[in-house]
Each structure stands twice: as C-alpha cells, then as structure tokens.
Amino acid sequence: MKEPLNLIITGVGGQGNILVSEILAKSAAAVGYKVTVGESYGMSQRGGSVSSHIRLSRKLLYGPIIPSGCADVIVCFEPVEAVRTVLEFGSRGTNVIVNPRPVYPVGVLMGKDKYPDIDIMLGKLNEISAQVFIIESTNIATQAGNPVVQNIVMAGALAGIGYLSIPKETFERIIRLAVPEKNLSLNLKAFCMGYDVAQSFRSNRNN
C-alpha cells in the first residue's frame, strides 16, 4: 500500500459518508496504521457537500487535509460531487469509486436549475483520473434490503477493490461495533455485496 495513502470519501448531506470514514479509520487503526481524519462540510443539512480526508501511514502522522492534486483514492457517493472533488484533489494518478445515482439539489427539483448529464460527468472522470469504478451502490443496497445502506455498499467496494491492506474481517468487526444490532444484518449484507462487486472488477482488471 502506498505510503501515505490519501483517501477522500465524499457525498452530500444525509448519504452517510461520515459513518464510512469512521469505519475506514477505525479499521485501519485496528491493523496498525497511523490515521488522520479531516472533514469539511458545506450546507450538509440541505444536501450540501460533505467530505472526509483520511490519510493512512505505517510511519508518520500527516496533516488532516490532503493537498490539492494529491488524493490517491476518491470514493464518491454522488456524481456531481465526484467531478468536483476529483478536479480539486485528484490527478491523472487518482483512482475513483463512484455511485452514479444523482442526488438532485433543491434548485433542480424546483425546475430552476438543470442537473448535468450523467454520461458526460462519468466521461469527464475517466479523462481526469487513472481508473474509474462505477458501483451501482443504490441499486445494490436496494437488493440488500434498503437503499439507505448504499454507503455501506461503497465501504465494501473500497475494501474489495485492492487499494487497502486491511482484511475484510477487520472491516466487518468494526461494522459490528458501529452499527446498532437491529440494523447489523442488513449492513453486513450490504458490505459483502459491495465487496464482491469490487472483487469482480479487480479480477477483470488483472486478466
């Protein structure tokens, strides 16, 4: 694993990316990594951007905010936020994991604004980054039992894609500690489904 590994988890308010960043940070710490986490919020209660910067190292503690252009992996729960974050913090060496399902802002819902074309945004991501993995996490979460757990599907995808030297079992143990008992089975199922999808991408990438 790269030293340090700079990750950003980004989405809009209400998508649960802060929980995923906590699961990642605790999982990394559990296997001996030094972890720093920095968070930035837009108008998150109104669907504004929410981003977590996670920096992992075996040797040193790094500052909590990743410098512009230095993100190694960006996990995006929403396509507009994906493009915005990759343009600011990514580079041609950045790997992107993205849920293509849009979250429409109020202006779009009211007919005042137009949401960008999804295919154009995904094409842009391919132009400005190293690899883009499209994870239909909302659909997968719906298959698991509840679309709300799309964030945990994305956590599984991150764990399974091959960028982290953290065992799957460590993530599952941290999820058991982080999620209420009544929701645990659903969350573990969502995590495993995301993990399996990412593993299939990884297998195809290596063939």
N, C-alpha and C. Protein backbone atom coordinates (compact mmCIF):
# COMPACT_ATOMS: atom_id res chain seq x y z
N MET A 1 0.83 -1.20 0.00
CA MET A 1 0.00 0.00 0.00
C MET A 1 0.87 1.24 0.00
N LYS A 2 0.51 2.25 -0.77
CA LYS A 2 1.27 3.49 -0.87
C LYS A 2 1.42 4.14 0.51
N GLU A 3 2.54 4.84 0.68
CA GLU A 3 2.85 5.47 1.96
C GLU A 3 3.10 6.96 1.78
N PRO A 4 2.27 7.85 2.32
CA PRO A 4 0.96 7.56 2.92
C PRO A 4 -0.07 7.32 1.82
N LEU A 5 -1.19 6.74 2.19
CA LEU A 5 -2.31 6.59 1.27
C LEU A 5 -3.33 7.68 1.60
N ASN A 6 -3.63 8.49 0.61
CA ASN A 6 -4.55 9.62 0.79
C ASN A 6 -5.91 9.29 0.17
N LEU A 7 -6.94 9.23 1.00
CA LEU A 7 -8.28 8.90 0.53
C LEU A 7 -9.25 10.02 0.87
N ILE A 8 -10.20 10.23 -0.03
CA ILE A 8 -11.30 11.15 0.25
C ILE A 8 -12.61 10.39 0.04
N ILE A 9 -13.50 10.53 1.00
CA ILE A 9 -14.85 9.98 0.89
C ILE A 9 -15.80 11.17 0.85
N THR A 10 -16.55 11.28 -0.23
CA THR A 10 -17.35 12.50 -0.42
C THR A 10 -18.75 12.18 -0.91
N GLY A 11 -19.67 13.05 -0.54
CA GLY A 11 -21.05 12.92 -0.97
C GLY A 11 -21.80 14.17 -0.56
N VAL A 12 -23.08 14.04 -0.38
CA VAL A 12 -23.88 15.17 0.10
C VAL A 12 -24.50 14.79 1.44
N GLY A 13 -24.96 15.80 2.16
CA GLY A 13 -25.52 15.57 3.48
C GLY A 13 -26.62 14.53 3.47
N GLY A 14 -26.55 13.60 4.41
CA GLY A 14 -27.56 12.57 4.53
C GLY A 14 -27.21 11.26 3.86
N GLN A 15 -26.07 11.20 3.14
CA GLN A 15 -25.71 9.96 2.45
C GLN A 15 -24.90 9.00 3.31
N GLY A 16 -24.45 9.44 4.47
CA GLY A 16 -23.76 8.53 5.38
C GLY A 16 -22.28 8.36 5.14
N ASN A 17 -21.65 9.32 4.47
CA ASN A 17 -20.22 9.13 4.22
C ASN A 17 -19.37 9.34 5.46
N ILE A 18 -19.86 10.09 6.45
CA ILE A 18 -19.10 10.24 7.68
C ILE A 18 -18.99 8.90 8.41
N LEU A 19 -20.06 8.12 8.42
CA LEU A 19 -20.00 6.78 9.03
C LEU A 19 -18.98 5.92 8.32
N VAL A 20 -18.94 5.98 7.00
CA VAL A 20 -17.98 5.17 6.25
C VAL A 20 -16.56 5.60 6.56
N SER A 21 -16.32 6.90 6.68
CA SER A 21 -14.97 7.36 7.01
C SER A 21 -14.56 6.88 8.40
N GLU A 22 -15.50 6.84 9.33
CA GLU A 22 -15.20 6.34 10.68
C GLU A 22 -14.88 4.85 10.64
N ILE A 23 -15.64 4.09 9.87
CA ILE A 23 -15.38 2.66 9.74
C ILE A 23 -14.01 2.42 9.13
N LEU A 24 -13.67 3.17 8.08
CA LEU A 24 -12.36 3.03 7.45
C LEU A 24 -11.25 3.39 8.42
N ALA A 25 -11.38 4.52 9.11
CA ALA A 25 -10.32 4.97 10.02
C ALA A 25 -10.10 3.97 11.15
N LYS A 26 -11.18 3.47 11.73
CA LYS A 26 -11.04 2.51 12.83
C LYS A 26 -10.51 1.17 12.34
N SER A 27 -10.88 0.76 11.15
CA SER A 27 -10.36 -0.49 10.59
C SER A 27 -8.87 -0.38 10.33
N ALA A 28 -8.44 0.76 9.78
CA ALA A 28 -7.02 0.96 9.53
C ALA A 28 -6.22 1.00 10.83
N ALA A 29 -6.74 1.70 11.83
CA ALA A 29 -6.06 1.77 13.12
C ALA A 29 -5.96 0.40 13.76
N ALA A 30 -6.98 -0.43 13.56
CA ALA A 30 -7.00 -1.76 14.17
C ALA A 30 -5.90 -2.66 13.65
N VAL A 31 -5.40 -2.40 12.44
CA VAL A 31 -4.32 -3.22 11.89
C VAL A 31 -2.99 -2.48 11.90
N GLY A 32 -2.91 -1.40 12.69
CA GLY A 32 -1.62 -0.78 12.95
C GLY A 32 -1.29 0.48 12.19
N TYR A 33 -2.21 0.99 11.40
CA TYR A 33 -1.92 2.23 10.67
C TYR A 33 -2.09 3.44 11.57
N LYS A 34 -1.26 4.44 11.33
CA LYS A 34 -1.47 5.76 11.91
C LYS A 34 -2.48 6.47 11.00
N VAL A 35 -3.50 7.04 11.59
CA VAL A 35 -4.62 7.58 10.82
C VAL A 35 -4.89 9.02 11.23
N THR A 36 -5.02 9.88 10.23
CA THR A 36 -5.53 11.22 10.48
C THR A 36 -6.77 11.43 9.63
N VAL A 37 -7.75 12.10 10.20
CA VAL A 37 -9.02 12.34 9.51
C VAL A 37 -9.35 13.83 9.59
N GLY A 38 -9.67 14.40 8.46
CA GLY A 38 -10.15 15.78 8.40
C GLY A 38 -11.47 15.82 7.66
N GLU A 39 -12.37 16.66 8.10
CA GLU A 39 -13.70 16.71 7.49
C GLU A 39 -14.05 18.14 7.09
N SER A 40 -14.77 18.24 5.99
CA SER A 40 -15.28 19.55 5.55
C SER A 40 -16.75 19.42 5.22
N TYR A 41 -17.49 20.44 5.57
CA TYR A 41 -18.93 20.43 5.39
C TYR A 41 -19.36 21.65 4.59
N GLY A 42 -20.24 21.42 3.61
CA GLY A 42 -20.96 22.53 3.02
C GLY A 42 -22.23 22.71 3.82
N MET A 43 -23.31 23.01 3.15
CA MET A 43 -24.60 23.12 3.84
C MET A 43 -25.20 21.73 3.92
N SER A 44 -24.57 20.87 4.75
CA SER A 44 -24.87 19.44 4.72
C SER A 44 -26.32 19.14 5.08
N GLN A 45 -26.92 19.94 5.93
CA GLN A 45 -28.30 19.68 6.29
C GLN A 45 -29.25 19.93 5.13
N ARG A 46 -28.78 20.65 4.12
CA ARG A 46 -29.61 20.98 2.97
C ARG A 46 -29.11 20.26 1.72
N GLY A 47 -28.37 19.23 1.89
CA GLY A 47 -27.87 18.50 0.74
C GLY A 47 -26.57 19.02 0.19
N GLY A 48 -25.84 19.81 1.00
CA GLY A 48 -24.54 20.31 0.57
C GLY A 48 -23.47 19.25 0.68
N SER A 49 -22.29 19.57 0.19
CA SER A 49 -21.21 18.59 0.14
C SER A 49 -20.67 18.28 1.54
N VAL A 50 -20.28 17.03 1.71
CA VAL A 50 -19.64 16.56 2.93
C VAL A 50 -18.47 15.68 2.51
N SER A 51 -17.27 16.02 2.95
CA SER A 51 -16.08 15.26 2.55
C SER A 51 -15.24 14.91 3.77
N SER A 52 -14.70 13.71 3.74
CA SER A 52 -13.75 13.28 4.77
C SER A 52 -12.42 12.96 4.10
N HIS A 53 -11.35 13.51 4.65
CA HIS A 53 -9.99 13.22 4.18
C HIS A 53 -9.38 12.23 5.16
N ILE A 54 -8.94 11.08 4.68
CA ILE A 54 -8.34 10.06 5.52
C ILE A 54 -6.94 9.77 5.01
N ARG A 55 -5.95 9.88 5.88
CA ARG A 55 -4.56 9.66 5.50
C ARG A 55 -4.00 8.52 6.35
N LEU A 56 -3.50 7.49 5.67
CA LEU A 56 -3.03 6.28 6.34
C LEU A 56 -1.53 6.12 6.14
N SER A 57 -0.84 5.80 7.23
CA SER A 57 0.61 5.63 7.16
C SER A 57 1.06 4.64 8.23
N ARG A 58 2.06 3.86 7.91
CA ARG A 58 2.69 2.99 8.90
C ARG A 58 3.71 3.74 9.75
N LYS A 59 4.16 4.91 9.26
CA LYS A 59 5.31 5.56 9.86
C LYS A 59 4.99 6.87 10.57
N LEU A 60 4.25 7.75 9.90
CA LEU A 60 4.08 9.11 10.40
C LEU A 60 2.62 9.51 10.46
N LEU A 61 2.33 10.48 11.30
CA LEU A 61 1.03 11.13 11.28
C LEU A 61 1.12 12.35 10.37
N TYR A 62 0.24 12.42 9.41
CA TYR A 62 0.22 13.53 8.46
C TYR A 62 -0.88 14.51 8.81
N GLY A 63 -0.79 15.71 8.24
CA GLY A 63 -1.83 16.70 8.44
C GLY A 63 -3.18 16.19 7.95
N PRO A 64 -4.27 16.69 8.51
CA PRO A 64 -5.58 16.10 8.25
C PRO A 64 -6.18 16.42 6.89
N ILE A 65 -5.69 17.44 6.21
CA ILE A 65 -6.26 17.80 4.91
C ILE A 65 -5.28 17.44 3.80
N ILE A 66 -5.77 16.69 2.82
CA ILE A 66 -4.95 16.27 1.69
C ILE A 66 -4.69 17.47 0.78
N PRO A 67 -3.44 17.70 0.38
CA PRO A 67 -3.17 18.82 -0.52
C PRO A 67 -3.86 18.64 -1.87
N SER A 68 -4.11 19.74 -2.52
CA SER A 68 -4.73 19.72 -3.84
C SER A 68 -3.93 18.85 -4.80
N GLY A 69 -4.62 17.96 -5.52
CA GLY A 69 -3.98 17.10 -6.50
C GLY A 69 -3.29 15.87 -5.95
N CYS A 70 -3.42 15.62 -4.65
CA CYS A 70 -2.65 14.53 -4.02
C CYS A 70 -3.49 13.36 -3.54
N ALA A 71 -4.77 13.31 -3.85
CA ALA A 71 -5.60 12.17 -3.43
C ALA A 71 -5.25 10.94 -4.27
N ASP A 72 -5.08 9.81 -3.60
CA ASP A 72 -4.82 8.55 -4.29
C ASP A 72 -6.11 7.83 -4.65
N VAL A 73 -7.08 7.87 -3.75
CA VAL A 73 -8.37 7.21 -3.96
C VAL A 73 -9.47 8.17 -3.52
N ILE A 74 -10.46 8.34 -4.38
CA ILE A 74 -11.62 9.15 -4.03
C ILE A 74 -12.87 8.30 -4.18
N VAL A 75 -13.61 8.16 -3.08
CA VAL A 75 -14.86 7.40 -3.06
C VAL A 75 -16.00 8.41 -3.06
N CYS A 76 -16.84 8.35 -4.08
CA CYS A 76 -17.85 9.38 -4.31
C CYS A 76 -19.24 8.77 -4.28
N PHE A 77 -20.08 9.30 -3.43
CA PHE A 77 -21.45 8.79 -3.31
C PHE A 77 -22.41 9.47 -4.28
N GLU A 78 -21.92 10.48 -5.01
CA GLU A 78 -22.80 11.26 -5.88
C GLU A 78 -21.97 11.83 -7.03
N PRO A 79 -22.46 11.77 -8.28
CA PRO A 79 -21.60 12.09 -9.43
C PRO A 79 -21.14 13.53 -9.54
N VAL A 80 -21.98 14.51 -9.22
CA VAL A 80 -21.52 15.90 -9.26
C VAL A 80 -20.41 16.12 -8.25
N GLU A 81 -20.58 15.57 -7.05
CA GLU A 81 -19.53 15.68 -6.03
C GLU A 81 -18.26 14.96 -6.47
N ALA A 82 -18.42 13.89 -7.24
CA ALA A 82 -17.26 13.17 -7.76
C ALA A 82 -16.41 14.07 -8.65
N VAL A 83 -17.05 14.71 -9.62
CA VAL A 83 -16.31 15.57 -10.54
C VAL A 83 -15.68 16.74 -9.79
N ARG A 84 -16.44 17.36 -8.91
CA ARG A 84 -15.92 18.50 -8.16
C ARG A 84 -14.70 18.11 -7.34
N THR A 85 -14.78 16.97 -6.65
CA THR A 85 -13.69 16.56 -5.76
C THR A 85 -12.46 16.12 -6.54
N VAL A 86 -12.66 15.39 -7.63
CA VAL A 86 -11.51 14.95 -8.43
C VAL A 86 -10.81 16.15 -9.06
N LEU A 87 -11.56 17.13 -9.54
CA LEU A 87 -10.94 18.32 -10.11
C LEU A 87 -10.10 19.06 -9.08
N GLU A 88 -10.55 19.08 -7.83
CA GLU A 88 -9.81 19.82 -6.80
C GLU A 88 -8.68 19.02 -6.19
N PHE A 89 -8.92 17.74 -5.90
CA PHE A 89 -7.94 16.98 -5.13
C PHE A 89 -7.31 15.82 -5.90
N GLY A 90 -7.84 15.51 -7.07
CA GLY A 90 -7.34 14.37 -7.82
C GLY A 90 -6.28 14.75 -8.84
N SER A 91 -5.86 13.72 -9.58
CA SER A 91 -4.87 13.88 -10.64
C SER A 91 -5.02 12.70 -11.59
N ARG A 92 -4.17 12.65 -12.59
CA ARG A 92 -4.21 11.51 -13.51
C ARG A 92 -3.79 10.22 -12.82
N GLY A 93 -3.30 10.29 -11.61
CA GLY A 93 -2.94 9.09 -10.86
C GLY A 93 -3.98 8.66 -9.85
N THR A 94 -5.10 9.36 -9.79
CA THR A 94 -6.13 9.09 -8.78
C THR A 94 -7.09 8.01 -9.26
N ASN A 95 -7.43 7.10 -8.37
CA ASN A 95 -8.43 6.08 -8.63
C ASN A 95 -9.75 6.50 -7.99
N VAL A 96 -10.84 6.32 -8.75
CA VAL A 96 -12.14 6.83 -8.33
C VAL A 96 -13.15 5.69 -8.25
N ILE A 97 -13.89 5.65 -7.16
CA ILE A 97 -15.02 4.73 -6.99
C ILE A 97 -16.26 5.60 -6.86
N VAL A 98 -17.22 5.43 -7.76
CA VAL A 98 -18.34 6.37 -7.79
C VAL A 98 -19.68 5.66 -7.90
N ASN A 99 -20.64 6.15 -7.13
CA ASN A 99 -22.04 5.78 -7.29
C ASN A 99 -22.65 6.75 -8.29
N PRO A 100 -23.16 6.27 -9.43
CA PRO A 100 -23.66 7.19 -10.46
C PRO A 100 -25.05 7.74 -10.20
N ARG A 101 -25.69 7.33 -9.10
CA ARG A 101 -27.05 7.79 -8.82
C ARG A 101 -27.03 9.24 -8.33
N PRO A 102 -27.70 10.17 -9.04
CA PRO A 102 -27.67 11.57 -8.62
C PRO A 102 -28.53 11.84 -7.39
N VAL A 103 -28.13 12.85 -6.63
CA VAL A 103 -28.97 13.43 -5.59
C VAL A 103 -29.27 14.84 -6.05
N TYR A 104 -30.51 15.09 -6.42
CA TYR A 104 -30.86 16.37 -7.04
C TYR A 104 -30.99 17.47 -5.99
N PRO A 105 -30.28 18.58 -6.18
CA PRO A 105 -30.43 19.71 -5.26
C PRO A 105 -31.79 20.38 -5.43
N VAL A 106 -32.10 21.24 -4.47
CA VAL A 106 -33.42 21.87 -4.45
C VAL A 106 -33.69 22.63 -5.73
N GLY A 107 -32.68 23.33 -6.25
CA GLY A 107 -32.88 24.11 -7.46
C GLY A 107 -33.30 23.27 -8.65
N VAL A 108 -32.75 22.06 -8.74
CA VAL A 108 -33.13 21.15 -9.82
C VAL A 108 -34.55 20.64 -9.59
N LEU A 109 -34.86 20.27 -8.35
CA LEU A 109 -36.19 19.75 -8.04
C LEU A 109 -37.28 20.80 -8.30
N MET A 110 -36.92 22.07 -8.13
CA MET A 110 -37.89 23.14 -8.36
C MET A 110 -37.94 23.59 -9.82
N GLY A 111 -37.07 23.01 -10.64
CA GLY A 111 -37.06 23.36 -12.05
C GLY A 111 -36.27 24.61 -12.38
N LYS A 112 -35.54 25.16 -11.41
CA LYS A 112 -34.77 26.38 -11.64
C LYS A 112 -33.40 26.08 -12.26
N ASP A 113 -32.84 24.93 -11.94
CA ASP A 113 -31.52 24.55 -12.43
C ASP A 113 -31.61 23.23 -13.19
N LYS A 114 -30.58 22.95 -13.97
CA LYS A 114 -30.52 21.70 -14.71
C LYS A 114 -29.37 20.86 -14.18
N TYR A 115 -29.66 19.60 -13.93
CA TYR A 115 -28.62 18.69 -13.44
C TYR A 115 -27.75 18.26 -14.62
N PRO A 116 -26.42 18.20 -14.43
CA PRO A 116 -25.54 17.80 -15.54
C PRO A 116 -25.83 16.38 -16.03
N ASP A 117 -25.51 16.13 -17.28
CA ASP A 117 -25.70 14.81 -17.88
C ASP A 117 -24.77 13.79 -17.21
N ILE A 118 -25.33 12.66 -16.78
CA ILE A 118 -24.55 11.65 -16.04
C ILE A 118 -23.43 11.10 -16.90
N ASP A 119 -23.72 10.74 -18.14
CA ASP A 119 -22.69 10.15 -19.01
C ASP A 119 -21.55 11.12 -19.27
N ILE A 120 -21.87 12.39 -19.41
CA ILE A 120 -20.81 13.39 -19.61
C ILE A 120 -19.93 13.48 -18.37
N MET A 121 -20.55 13.45 -17.18
CA MET A 121 -19.76 13.52 -15.95
C MET A 121 -18.87 12.29 -15.79
N LEU A 122 -19.40 11.11 -16.08
CA LEU A 122 -18.58 9.90 -15.96
C LEU A 122 -17.45 9.91 -16.98
N GLY A 123 -17.73 10.43 -18.17
CA GLY A 123 -16.68 10.57 -19.17
C GLY A 123 -15.60 11.52 -18.71
N LYS A 124 -16.01 12.61 -18.07
CA LYS A 124 -15.04 13.57 -17.54
C LYS A 124 -14.16 12.93 -16.48
N LEU A 125 -14.76 12.12 -15.61
CA LEU A 125 -13.98 11.43 -14.59
C LEU A 125 -12.92 10.54 -15.22
N ASN A 126 -13.28 9.85 -16.29
CA ASN A 126 -12.31 8.99 -16.98
C ASN A 126 -11.16 9.80 -17.59
N GLU A 127 -11.45 11.02 -18.00
CA GLU A 127 -10.43 11.87 -18.61
C GLU A 127 -9.42 12.38 -17.58
N ILE A 128 -9.87 12.61 -16.36
CA ILE A 128 -9.03 13.33 -15.40
C ILE A 128 -8.48 12.44 -14.29
N SER A 129 -8.72 11.14 -14.35
CA SER A 129 -8.23 10.24 -13.30
C SER A 129 -7.64 8.98 -13.92
N ALA A 130 -7.05 8.14 -13.08
CA ALA A 130 -6.40 6.93 -13.58
C ALA A 130 -7.40 5.84 -13.93
N GLN A 131 -8.27 5.52 -12.99
CA GLN A 131 -9.29 4.50 -13.19
C GLN A 131 -10.58 4.93 -12.50
N VAL A 132 -11.69 4.59 -13.12
CA VAL A 132 -13.00 4.89 -12.53
C VAL A 132 -13.78 3.60 -12.42
N PHE A 133 -14.20 3.29 -11.21
CA PHE A 133 -15.02 2.11 -10.96
C PHE A 133 -16.43 2.58 -10.62
N ILE A 134 -17.38 2.23 -11.47
CA ILE A 134 -18.77 2.63 -11.27
C ILE A 134 -19.47 1.55 -10.46
N ILE A 135 -19.88 1.90 -9.27
CA ILE A 135 -20.56 0.97 -8.37
C ILE A 135 -22.01 1.43 -8.22
N GLU A 136 -22.92 0.64 -8.71
CA GLU A 136 -24.35 0.99 -8.61
C GLU A 136 -24.84 0.71 -7.18
N SER A 137 -24.29 1.48 -6.25
CA SER A 137 -24.48 1.14 -4.84
C SER A 137 -25.92 1.32 -4.37
N THR A 138 -26.64 2.27 -4.95
CA THR A 138 -28.04 2.43 -4.55
C THR A 138 -28.86 1.23 -4.98
N ASN A 139 -28.63 0.75 -6.19
CA ASN A 139 -29.32 -0.45 -6.67
C ASN A 139 -28.94 -1.67 -5.85
N ILE A 140 -27.65 -1.80 -5.56
CA ILE A 140 -27.18 -2.95 -4.78
C ILE A 140 -27.77 -2.92 -3.38
N ALA A 141 -27.80 -1.73 -2.77
CA ALA A 141 -28.38 -1.60 -1.43
C ALA A 141 -29.87 -1.95 -1.44
N THR A 142 -30.56 -1.56 -2.50
CA THR A 142 -31.98 -1.92 -2.62
C THR A 142 -32.14 -3.43 -2.68
N GLN A 143 -31.25 -4.09 -3.41
CA GLN A 143 -31.28 -5.56 -3.46
C GLN A 143 -30.99 -6.16 -2.09
N ALA A 144 -30.12 -5.50 -1.33
CA ALA A 144 -29.79 -5.99 0.01
C ALA A 144 -30.95 -5.83 0.98
N GLY A 145 -31.83 -4.85 0.71
CA GLY A 145 -32.99 -4.68 1.57
C GLY A 145 -33.38 -3.26 1.88
N ASN A 146 -32.47 -2.28 1.62
CA ASN A 146 -32.80 -0.88 1.92
C ASN A 146 -31.80 0.03 1.20
N PRO A 147 -32.27 0.93 0.33
CA PRO A 147 -31.34 1.79 -0.40
C PRO A 147 -30.51 2.71 0.49
N VAL A 148 -30.94 2.90 1.72
CA VAL A 148 -30.21 3.78 2.64
C VAL A 148 -28.79 3.28 2.87
N VAL A 149 -28.57 1.97 2.81
CA VAL A 149 -27.24 1.42 3.11
C VAL A 149 -26.32 1.43 1.89
N GLN A 150 -26.62 2.28 0.91
CA GLN A 150 -25.70 2.41 -0.22
C GLN A 150 -24.31 2.84 0.26
N ASN A 151 -24.24 3.58 1.37
CA ASN A 151 -22.93 3.98 1.88
C ASN A 151 -22.11 2.77 2.32
N ILE A 152 -22.76 1.78 2.90
CA ILE A 152 -22.04 0.58 3.35
C ILE A 152 -21.66 -0.28 2.15
N VAL A 153 -22.47 -0.27 1.11
CA VAL A 153 -22.07 -0.92 -0.15
C VAL A 153 -20.78 -0.30 -0.66
N MET A 154 -20.69 1.02 -0.61
CA MET A 154 -19.48 1.70 -1.07
C MET A 154 -18.29 1.38 -0.18
N ALA A 155 -18.53 1.22 1.12
CA ALA A 155 -17.45 0.79 2.02
C ALA A 155 -16.95 -0.58 1.61
N GLY A 156 -17.87 -1.48 1.28
CA GLY A 156 -17.47 -2.80 0.82
C GLY A 156 -16.68 -2.74 -0.47
N ALA A 157 -17.11 -1.88 -1.38
CA ALA A 157 -16.39 -1.73 -2.64
C ALA A 157 -14.96 -1.23 -2.41
N LEU A 158 -14.81 -0.26 -1.53
CA LEU A 158 -13.47 0.24 -1.20
C LEU A 158 -12.62 -0.87 -0.60
N ALA A 159 -13.20 -1.65 0.29
CA ALA A 159 -12.44 -2.74 0.93
C ALA A 159 -12.04 -3.81 -0.07
N GLY A 160 -12.87 -4.02 -1.09
CA GLY A 160 -12.64 -5.12 -2.01
C GLY A 160 -11.85 -4.80 -3.25
N ILE A 161 -11.65 -3.53 -3.56
CA ILE A 161 -11.07 -3.16 -4.84
C ILE A 161 -9.57 -3.38 -4.90
N GLY A 162 -8.91 -3.46 -3.72
CA GLY A 162 -7.50 -3.83 -3.71
C GLY A 162 -6.52 -2.72 -3.37
N TYR A 163 -6.99 -1.56 -2.97
CA TYR A 163 -6.10 -0.46 -2.64
C TYR A 163 -5.65 -0.47 -1.18
N LEU A 164 -6.34 -1.22 -0.34
CA LEU A 164 -6.09 -1.20 1.10
C LEU A 164 -5.53 -2.54 1.56
N SER A 165 -4.57 -2.48 2.45
CA SER A 165 -4.03 -3.69 3.07
C SER A 165 -4.74 -3.92 4.41
N ILE A 166 -6.05 -4.01 4.34
CA ILE A 166 -6.88 -4.21 5.52
C ILE A 166 -7.80 -5.39 5.26
N PRO A 167 -7.77 -6.43 6.08
CA PRO A 167 -8.61 -7.61 5.83
C PRO A 167 -10.10 -7.29 5.87
N LYS A 168 -10.84 -8.01 5.08
CA LYS A 168 -12.30 -7.88 5.07
C LYS A 168 -12.87 -8.09 6.47
N GLU A 169 -12.31 -9.06 7.19
CA GLU A 169 -12.83 -9.40 8.52
C GLU A 169 -12.67 -8.24 9.50
N THR A 170 -11.63 -7.44 9.31
CA THR A 170 -11.44 -6.28 10.18
C THR A 170 -12.55 -5.27 9.97
N PHE A 171 -12.86 -5.00 8.71
CA PHE A 171 -13.99 -4.10 8.42
C PHE A 171 -15.28 -4.63 9.04
N GLU A 172 -15.53 -5.91 8.90
CA GLU A 172 -16.77 -6.49 9.43
C GLU A 172 -16.83 -6.36 10.95
N ARG A 173 -15.69 -6.53 11.60
CA ARG A 173 -15.66 -6.40 13.06
C ARG A 173 -15.98 -4.96 13.48
N ILE A 174 -15.43 -3.99 12.76
CA ILE A 174 -15.69 -2.59 13.08
C ILE A 174 -17.14 -2.23 12.79
N ILE A 175 -17.70 -2.77 11.72
CA ILE A 175 -19.12 -2.52 11.42
C ILE A 175 -20.00 -3.05 12.55
N ARG A 176 -19.65 -4.21 13.09
CA ARG A 176 -20.43 -4.77 14.21
C ARG A 176 -20.42 -3.84 15.41
N LEU A 177 -19.33 -3.11 15.59
CA LEU A 177 -19.24 -2.18 16.71
C LEU A 177 -19.93 -0.85 16.42
N ALA A 178 -20.03 -0.49 15.13
CA ALA A 178 -20.52 0.83 14.76
C ALA A 178 -22.01 0.89 14.48
N VAL A 179 -22.61 -0.25 14.18
CA VAL A 179 -24.00 -0.27 13.71
C VAL A 179 -24.89 -0.88 14.78
N PRO A 180 -26.06 -0.32 15.04
CA PRO A 180 -27.00 -0.91 16.01
C PRO A 180 -27.37 -2.34 15.63
N GLU A 181 -27.60 -3.15 16.64
CA GLU A 181 -27.87 -4.57 16.44
C GLU A 181 -29.03 -4.80 15.48
N LYS A 182 -30.07 -3.99 15.56
CA LYS A 182 -31.25 -4.21 14.73
C LYS A 182 -30.96 -4.02 13.24
N ASN A 183 -29.90 -3.26 12.92
CA ASN A 183 -29.55 -3.00 11.53
C ASN A 183 -28.30 -3.75 11.08
N LEU A 184 -27.74 -4.57 11.96
CA LEU A 184 -26.44 -5.17 11.68
C LEU A 184 -26.48 -6.13 10.50
N SER A 185 -27.45 -7.01 10.46
CA SER A 185 -27.52 -8.00 9.39
C SER A 185 -27.60 -7.32 8.02
N LEU A 186 -28.43 -6.30 7.91
CA LEU A 186 -28.57 -5.57 6.65
C LEU A 186 -27.26 -4.92 6.25
N ASN A 187 -26.58 -4.29 7.21
CA ASN A 187 -25.34 -3.60 6.89
C ASN A 187 -24.23 -4.56 6.49
N LEU A 188 -24.13 -5.68 7.17
CA LEU A 188 -23.12 -6.67 6.80
C LEU A 188 -23.41 -7.25 5.42
N LYS A 189 -24.67 -7.47 5.11
CA LYS A 189 -25.04 -7.96 3.78
C LYS A 189 -24.67 -6.94 2.71
N ALA A 190 -24.97 -5.67 2.96
CA ALA A 190 -24.63 -4.61 2.01
C ALA A 190 -23.13 -4.51 1.81
N PHE A 191 -22.38 -4.60 2.91
CA PHE A 191 -20.92 -4.55 2.82
C PHE A 191 -20.39 -5.68 1.95
N CYS A 192 -20.87 -6.88 2.19
CA CYS A 192 -20.38 -8.04 1.44
C CYS A 192 -20.75 -7.96 -0.03
N MET A 193 -21.93 -7.43 -0.33
CA MET A 193 -22.33 -7.29 -1.73
C MET A 193 -21.44 -6.27 -2.45
N GLY A 194 -21.12 -5.16 -1.80
CA GLY A 194 -20.20 -4.20 -2.38
C GLY A 194 -18.81 -4.77 -2.55
N TYR A 195 -18.37 -5.52 -1.55
CA TYR A 195 -17.05 -6.16 -1.60
C TYR A 195 -16.97 -7.12 -2.78
N ASP A 196 -17.99 -7.92 -2.97
CA ASP A 196 -17.98 -8.91 -4.05
C ASP A 196 -17.98 -8.25 -5.43
N VAL A 197 -18.74 -7.17 -5.58
CA VAL A 197 -18.75 -6.46 -6.86
C VAL A 197 -17.35 -5.90 -7.16
N ALA A 198 -16.71 -5.32 -6.16
CA ALA A 198 -15.37 -4.77 -6.35
C ALA A 198 -14.36 -5.87 -6.66
N GLN A 199 -14.51 -7.01 -6.02
CA GLN A 199 -13.61 -8.13 -6.29
C GLN A 199 -13.73 -8.59 -7.75
N SER A 200 -14.95 -8.55 -8.28
CA SER A 200 -15.13 -8.94 -9.69
C SER A 200 -14.46 -7.92 -10.61
N PHE A 201 -14.56 -6.62 -10.27
CA PHE A 201 -13.84 -5.61 -11.04
C PHE A 201 -12.33 -5.85 -10.97
N ARG A 202 -11.87 -6.16 -9.78
CA ARG A 202 -10.43 -6.39 -9.58
C ARG A 202 -9.96 -7.58 -10.39
N SER A 203 -10.75 -8.64 -10.42
CA SER A 203 -10.40 -9.83 -11.19
C SER A 203 -10.33 -9.51 -12.67
N ASN A 204 -11.30 -8.76 -13.16
CA ASN A 204 -11.31 -8.38 -14.58
C ASN A 204 -10.13 -7.48 -14.93
N ARG A 205 -9.77 -6.60 -13.98
CA ARG A 205 -8.65 -5.69 -14.20
C ARG A 205 -7.34 -6.45 -14.32
N ASN A 206 -7.22 -7.55 -13.59
CA ASN A 206 -5.97 -8.31 -13.58
C ASN A 206 -5.87 -9.31 -14.71
N ASN A 207 -6.97 -9.56 -15.41
CA ASN A 207 -6.95 -10.52 -16.52
C ASN A 207 -6.46 -9.88 -17.81
